[in-house]
Amino acid sequence: MTHPSPLAGRDLISLADWSGAEIIRVLDAASAAKRDPAAWRRALDGKAVVMLFEKPSLRTRVSFEVGIAKCGGHAMYFDHAASKIGQRESIKDYAMNLERWVECIVARTFWHDTVVELARHARVPVVNALTDLDHPCQALADMLTLRERVGDLRRARLAYIGDGNNVCQALLYACAALGTAITVITPEGYEPQAAGLDAARRIAGQSGARITLSHDPRAVEGHHAVYTDTWISMGQGDQAEARRRALRPYQVNGATMRAAGPGAIFMHCLPATRGEEVTDEVIDAPTSAVYDQAENRMHAQNALLVHLIGVPPA
């Protein structure tokens, strides 16, 4: 006999709001769904999920739509590129209409406050599919991938190098909750936001995770994984040349990976700008985990949605 999860009805706005045990519950379910997808074919039977996207997407859109279908649910995609959420009608009214029809709202927005307000007014779970401040679904997939490649997350050491952006922030929260050591290596002025870093350090104080900040690219030494992201995100085109100048010494290339140590894996949330933040020899190497990360977006999100709105298989 199956029962709803203790996570039923929760929002996922940020992993800063979730305990390590809760994240592990989702990761364990993701691993189970990946091993035996047939057991999950009816896990979202009769459930509808609306996807509100202000930003274009490949991995997020496809992994949610296909994953929901594989679990027996129905996904509806709303393109908000031309009309941002809250423009045509208030976010409150939008949320309170949607909650009458669907079991979950997935939102990919420019501003974090938009997702926060959707969650404030909707009585169904709201999932953050990316904002300017955070990307928790990506971090779930990343930790699933790291566990598959490295093993015990409490012994894993992850180096993030480049811009301290929303992906970096999500990784800080995930590592802090799970007891995973993380070193964030950025140019001066490109560090993670102070408030988010302080929150991650508070969480790490409970789990025993070690958070290290550095401006030295050589600080990748002794890590199991090296992670980077694009240097120029959407809306930063006017800063492109200045960002390239500042971040060029932080490119992940063969020398970076050799410095990290034998067997270190390479991670990237994609899309990647080849020849900029990462070279072809790294992203195409056998030690690259980027396509595992992309696949694991679907498995992690399936597990998440089933725990929030469905019934996990026994």
Protein backbone atom coordinates (compact mmCIF):
# COMPACT_ATOMS: atom_id res chain seq x y z
CA MET A 1 0.00 0.00 0.00
CA THR A 2 1.35 3.43 -0.95
CA HIS A 3 0.95 6.67 0.97
CA PRO A 4 1.54 10.36 0.25
CA SER A 5 5.02 11.61 1.03
CA PRO A 6 5.76 13.71 4.14
CA LEU A 7 6.87 16.31 1.57
CA ALA A 8 3.37 16.50 0.06
CA GLY A 9 2.18 20.07 -0.44
CA ARG A 10 5.62 21.66 -0.03
CA ASP A 11 6.96 24.41 -2.28
CA LEU A 12 10.48 24.32 -3.68
CA ILE A 13 11.52 27.94 -3.90
CA SER A 14 15.05 27.35 -2.63
CA LEU A 15 16.96 24.43 -1.13
CA ALA A 16 17.81 26.82 1.68
CA ASP A 17 14.32 25.95 2.96
CA TRP A 18 14.87 22.19 2.86
CA SER A 19 16.75 19.95 5.28
CA GLY A 20 19.46 17.55 4.21
CA ALA A 21 17.17 14.63 5.05
CA GLU A 22 14.42 16.03 2.82
CA ILE A 23 16.83 16.49 -0.08
CA ILE A 24 18.17 12.96 0.37
CA ARG A 25 14.59 11.65 0.27
CA VAL A 26 14.19 13.21 -3.18
CA LEU A 27 17.61 12.01 -4.39
CA ASP A 28 16.88 8.45 -3.25
CA ALA A 29 13.55 8.55 -5.08
CA ALA A 30 15.26 9.94 -8.19
CA SER A 31 17.72 7.04 -8.15
CA ALA A 32 14.83 4.58 -7.79
CA ALA A 33 12.92 6.19 -10.66
CA LYS A 34 16.01 6.04 -12.85
CA ARG A 35 16.59 2.34 -12.08
CA ASP A 36 12.96 1.27 -12.58
CA PRO A 37 10.96 3.82 -14.59
CA ALA A 38 8.13 1.34 -15.13
CA ALA A 39 7.26 1.50 -11.43
CA TRP A 40 6.67 5.26 -11.76
CA ARG A 41 4.36 5.22 -14.80
CA ARG A 42 1.25 6.07 -12.78
CA ALA A 43 2.89 8.07 -9.99
CA LEU A 44 1.35 11.33 -11.31
CA ASP A 45 -1.81 9.74 -12.69
CA GLY A 46 -4.51 12.38 -13.07
CA LYS A 47 -2.20 15.24 -12.01
CA ALA A 48 -1.80 18.45 -14.04
CA VAL A 49 1.23 20.74 -13.86
CA VAL A 50 1.33 24.21 -15.43
CA MET A 51 4.73 25.53 -16.54
CA LEU A 52 5.10 29.32 -16.63
CA PHE A 53 8.27 30.31 -18.51
CA GLU A 54 9.48 33.89 -18.90
CA LYS A 55 12.85 32.63 -20.19
CA PRO A 56 13.60 30.20 -23.05
CA SER A 57 14.79 26.73 -22.14
CA LEU A 58 15.88 23.39 -23.55
CA ARG A 59 16.73 21.15 -20.58
CA THR A 60 14.21 22.60 -18.11
CA ARG A 61 11.24 22.52 -20.46
CA VAL A 62 11.91 19.14 -22.04
CA SER A 63 12.90 17.43 -18.80
CA PHE A 64 9.74 18.61 -17.04
CA GLU A 65 7.35 17.90 -19.93
CA VAL A 66 8.75 14.48 -20.79
CA GLY A 67 9.25 13.53 -17.15
CA ILE A 68 5.67 14.41 -16.18
CA ALA A 69 4.35 12.39 -19.13
CA LYS A 70 6.52 9.40 -18.17
CA CYS A 71 4.92 9.48 -14.71
CA GLY A 72 1.38 9.61 -16.13
CA GLY A 73 0.72 13.30 -15.55
CA HIS A 74 -0.12 16.17 -17.88
CA ALA A 75 2.04 19.27 -18.40
CA MET A 76 0.89 22.57 -19.91
CA TYR A 77 3.49 25.09 -21.12
CA PHE A 78 2.71 28.83 -20.97
CA ASP A 79 5.18 31.10 -22.80
CA HIS A 80 5.56 34.34 -20.84
CA ALA A 81 8.46 35.76 -22.87
CA ALA A 82 6.31 38.52 -24.35
CA SER A 83 4.07 39.14 -21.35
CA LYS A 84 5.74 38.76 -17.97
CA ILE A 85 3.87 37.17 -15.10
CA GLY A 86 1.90 39.88 -13.30
CA GLN A 87 1.52 42.19 -16.32
CA ARG A 88 -1.85 41.08 -17.65
CA GLU A 89 -3.30 40.47 -14.19
CA SER A 90 -1.91 40.45 -10.68
CA ILE A 91 0.27 37.55 -9.60
CA LYS A 92 -2.20 36.94 -6.78
CA ASP A 93 -5.14 36.55 -9.15
CA TYR A 94 -3.10 34.43 -11.53
CA ALA A 95 -2.03 32.05 -8.75
CA MET A 96 -5.51 31.80 -7.26
CA ASN A 97 -6.97 30.89 -10.64
CA LEU A 98 -4.32 28.32 -11.48
CA GLU A 99 -4.68 26.56 -8.13
CA ARG A 100 -8.28 25.67 -9.04
CA TRP A 101 -7.19 23.67 -12.10
CA VAL A 102 -3.74 22.21 -11.51
CA GLU A 103 -1.87 20.34 -8.79
CA CYS A 104 1.43 22.19 -9.21
CA ILE A 105 2.88 25.40 -10.67
CA VAL A 106 6.40 25.33 -12.15
CA ALA A 107 7.80 28.81 -12.82
CA ARG A 108 10.95 29.96 -14.63
CA THR A 109 11.16 33.71 -14.14
CA PHE A 110 13.51 36.67 -14.35
CA TRP A 111 12.90 37.80 -10.78
CA HIS A 112 12.96 35.60 -7.69
CA ASP A 113 10.20 37.66 -6.08
CA THR A 114 7.78 36.50 -8.80
CA VAL A 115 8.11 32.86 -7.71
CA VAL A 116 7.93 33.85 -4.05
CA GLU A 117 4.67 35.71 -4.66
CA LEU A 118 3.18 32.85 -6.67
CA ALA A 119 3.89 30.55 -3.73
CA ARG A 120 2.44 33.06 -1.25
CA HIS A 121 -0.95 33.02 -2.97
CA ALA A 122 -1.24 29.51 -4.46
CA ARG A 123 -2.56 26.66 -2.33
CA VAL A 124 -0.79 24.13 -4.58
CA PRO A 125 2.98 23.55 -4.60
CA VAL A 126 5.12 26.01 -6.53
CA VAL A 127 8.47 24.87 -7.95
CA ASN A 128 11.24 27.30 -8.85
CA ALA A 129 12.54 26.30 -12.30
CA LEU A 130 15.11 29.15 -12.27
CA THR A 131 15.20 32.75 -11.11
CA ASP A 132 17.88 35.42 -11.02
CA LEU A 133 18.87 34.27 -7.52
CA ASP A 134 18.48 30.49 -7.44
CA HIS A 135 18.15 27.28 -9.46
CA PRO A 136 17.19 24.50 -7.02
CA CYS A 137 16.08 21.92 -9.61
CA GLN A 138 19.49 22.11 -11.25
CA ALA A 139 21.17 21.63 -7.89
CA LEU A 140 19.08 18.50 -7.20
CA ALA A 141 20.24 17.01 -10.51
CA ASP A 142 23.82 18.05 -9.77
CA MET A 143 23.88 16.38 -6.38
CA LEU A 144 22.33 13.24 -7.85
CA THR A 145 25.09 13.22 -10.49
CA LEU A 146 27.82 13.89 -7.96
CA ARG A 147 26.57 11.03 -5.78
CA GLU A 148 26.52 8.68 -8.78
CA ARG A 149 30.06 9.62 -9.83
CA VAL A 150 31.77 10.17 -6.47
CA GLY A 151 29.70 8.35 -3.85
CA ASP A 152 29.09 9.61 -0.30
CA LEU A 153 28.17 13.29 -0.54
CA ARG A 154 29.52 13.95 2.94
CA ARG A 155 32.98 13.03 1.66
CA ALA A 156 32.71 14.70 -1.73
CA ARG A 157 34.58 17.92 -2.54
CA LEU A 158 33.15 20.21 -5.23
CA ALA A 159 34.93 23.22 -6.73
CA TYR A 160 32.80 25.84 -8.47
CA ILE A 161 34.82 28.25 -10.61
CA GLY A 162 33.64 31.34 -12.49
CA ASP A 163 30.71 33.67 -11.82
CA GLY A 164 28.98 33.37 -8.43
CA ASN A 165 25.54 33.32 -10.04
CA ASN A 166 22.19 31.63 -9.37
CA VAL A 167 23.56 28.15 -10.13
CA CYS A 168 26.45 28.75 -7.74
CA GLN A 169 24.00 29.88 -5.07
CA ALA A 170 21.83 26.79 -5.48
CA LEU A 171 24.90 24.58 -5.18
CA LEU A 172 25.94 26.39 -1.99
CA TYR A 173 22.56 25.65 -0.39
CA ALA A 174 22.58 22.01 -1.54
CA CYS A 175 26.15 21.35 -0.39
CA ALA A 176 25.54 23.11 2.92
CA ALA A 177 22.46 20.99 3.66
CA LEU A 178 24.08 17.71 2.59
CA GLY A 179 27.42 18.16 4.33
CA THR A 180 29.35 18.41 1.05
CA ALA A 181 32.52 20.51 0.95
CA ILE A 182 32.38 23.27 -1.66
CA THR A 183 35.01 25.76 -2.76
CA VAL A 184 33.75 28.77 -4.73
CA ILE A 185 36.45 30.39 -6.87
CA THR A 186 35.62 33.72 -8.50
CA PRO A 187 37.27 36.98 -9.57
CA GLU A 188 36.91 39.82 -7.10
CA GLY A 189 33.48 41.36 -7.49
CA TYR A 190 31.93 38.14 -8.84
CA GLU A 191 31.36 36.39 -5.50
CA PRO A 192 27.96 34.94 -4.54
CA GLN A 193 25.54 37.44 -3.01
CA ALA A 194 26.35 38.10 0.64
CA ALA A 195 22.87 37.26 1.97
CA GLY A 196 22.80 33.90 0.21
CA LEU A 197 26.32 33.08 1.31
CA ASP A 198 25.47 33.91 4.93
CA ALA A 199 22.41 31.64 4.74
CA ALA A 200 24.50 28.79 3.31
CA ARG A 201 27.06 29.20 6.08
CA ARG A 202 24.33 28.99 8.73
CA ILE A 203 23.07 25.76 7.19
CA ALA A 204 26.61 24.41 6.92
CA GLY A 205 27.09 25.10 10.63
CA GLN A 206 24.44 22.45 11.32
CA SER A 207 25.58 19.86 8.76
CA GLY A 208 29.32 20.22 9.11
CA ALA A 209 29.80 21.19 5.47
CA ARG A 210 32.89 23.24 4.68
CA ILE A 211 32.40 26.35 2.53
CA THR A 212 35.53 28.03 1.17
CA LEU A 213 35.80 31.18 -0.95
CA SER A 214 38.84 31.94 -3.07
CA HIS A 215 39.99 34.21 -5.90
CA ASP A 216 42.80 31.81 -6.89
CA PRO A 217 42.03 29.42 -9.80
CA ARG A 218 44.61 27.03 -8.33
CA ALA A 219 42.20 26.40 -5.44
CA VAL A 220 40.62 23.62 -7.55
CA GLU A 221 43.37 21.33 -6.26
CA GLY A 222 42.17 18.28 -4.35
CA HIS A 223 38.51 18.31 -5.48
CA HIS A 224 36.45 15.45 -6.86
CA ALA A 225 34.53 17.70 -9.28
CA VAL A 226 35.05 21.02 -11.04
CA TYR A 227 31.88 22.93 -11.96
CA THR A 228 31.48 26.05 -14.08
CA ASP A 229 28.71 27.98 -15.82
CA THR A 230 28.39 30.49 -18.63
CA TRP A 231 30.05 33.84 -18.02
CA ILE A 232 27.34 35.91 -19.68
CA SER A 233 23.75 35.18 -18.70
CA MET A 234 20.60 36.46 -20.34
CA GLY A 235 20.32 40.21 -19.88
CA GLN A 236 24.07 40.74 -19.36
CA GLY A 237 24.98 41.43 -22.99
CA ASP A 238 25.99 45.02 -22.25
CA GLN A 239 28.56 43.70 -19.75
CA ALA A 240 29.95 41.00 -22.04
CA GLU A 241 33.45 42.30 -22.71
CA ALA A 242 34.10 43.36 -19.11
CA ARG A 243 32.91 39.99 -17.87
CA ARG A 244 35.10 38.11 -20.34
CA ARG A 245 38.17 40.07 -19.26
CA ALA A 246 37.53 39.40 -15.58
CA LEU A 247 36.65 35.73 -16.00
CA ARG A 248 39.18 34.64 -18.64
CA PRO A 249 41.73 33.45 -16.04
CA TYR A 250 38.98 31.20 -14.61
CA GLN A 251 38.41 29.17 -17.77
CA VAL A 252 38.21 25.41 -17.14
CA ASN A 253 40.75 23.77 -19.43
CA GLY A 254 43.03 20.77 -19.35
CA ALA A 255 45.41 22.43 -16.91
CA THR A 256 42.51 23.19 -14.55
CA MET A 257 41.39 19.57 -14.50
CA ARG A 258 44.93 18.28 -13.99
CA ALA A 259 45.29 20.68 -11.08
CA ALA A 260 42.06 19.36 -9.54
CA GLY A 261 43.54 15.89 -9.37
CA PRO A 262 43.36 12.43 -10.98
CA GLY A 263 39.83 11.35 -11.82
CA ALA A 264 38.20 14.73 -11.15
CA ILE A 265 34.97 15.08 -13.10
CA PHE A 266 33.79 18.16 -14.98
CA MET A 267 30.27 19.56 -14.43
CA HIS A 268 28.29 22.29 -16.20
CA CYS A 269 24.56 23.03 -16.13
CA LEU A 270 24.56 23.92 -19.87
CA PRO A 271 24.25 25.61 -22.27
CA ALA A 272 28.02 25.97 -22.51
CA THR A 273 29.95 28.51 -24.54
CA ARG A 274 32.73 26.25 -25.80
CA GLY A 275 36.09 27.98 -25.89
CA GLU A 276 34.98 30.53 -23.30
CA GLU A 277 34.29 29.16 -19.81
CA VAL A 278 35.30 25.62 -20.86
CA THR A 279 37.41 24.09 -23.62
CA ASP A 280 36.35 21.25 -25.91
CA GLU A 281 39.00 18.92 -24.47
CA VAL A 282 37.32 19.18 -21.05
CA ILE A 283 33.63 19.09 -21.94
CA ASP A 284 34.15 16.20 -24.38
CA ALA A 285 36.45 14.18 -22.11
CA PRO A 286 35.37 10.87 -20.53
CA THR A 287 35.47 12.64 -17.16
CA SER A 288 32.78 15.10 -18.26
CA ALA A 289 29.42 14.55 -16.52
CA VAL A 290 27.45 17.26 -18.32
CA TYR A 291 25.07 14.96 -20.16
CA ASP A 292 24.49 12.89 -17.03
CA GLN A 293 23.51 16.13 -15.32
CA ALA A 294 21.11 16.95 -18.15
CA GLU A 295 19.49 13.50 -17.97
CA ASN A 296 19.28 13.67 -14.20
CA ARG A 297 17.24 16.87 -14.39
CA MET A 298 14.32 14.68 -15.44
CA HIS A 299 14.82 12.00 -12.79
CA ALA A 300 15.31 14.52 -9.97
CA GLN A 301 12.29 16.57 -11.02
CA ASN A 302 10.12 13.48 -11.41
CA ALA A 303 11.01 12.44 -7.87
CA LEU A 304 10.38 15.96 -6.60
CA LEU A 305 6.95 16.30 -8.23
CA VAL A 306 5.82 12.86 -7.13
CA HIS A 307 6.75 13.68 -3.55
CA LEU A 308 4.97 17.04 -3.72
CA ILE A 309 1.75 16.07 -5.53
CA GLY A 310 1.70 12.33 -6.23
CA VAL A 311 2.20 9.04 -4.48
CA PRO A 312 5.74 7.60 -4.55
CA PRO A 313 5.85 3.92 -5.55
CA ALA A 314 6.38 1.56 -2.65
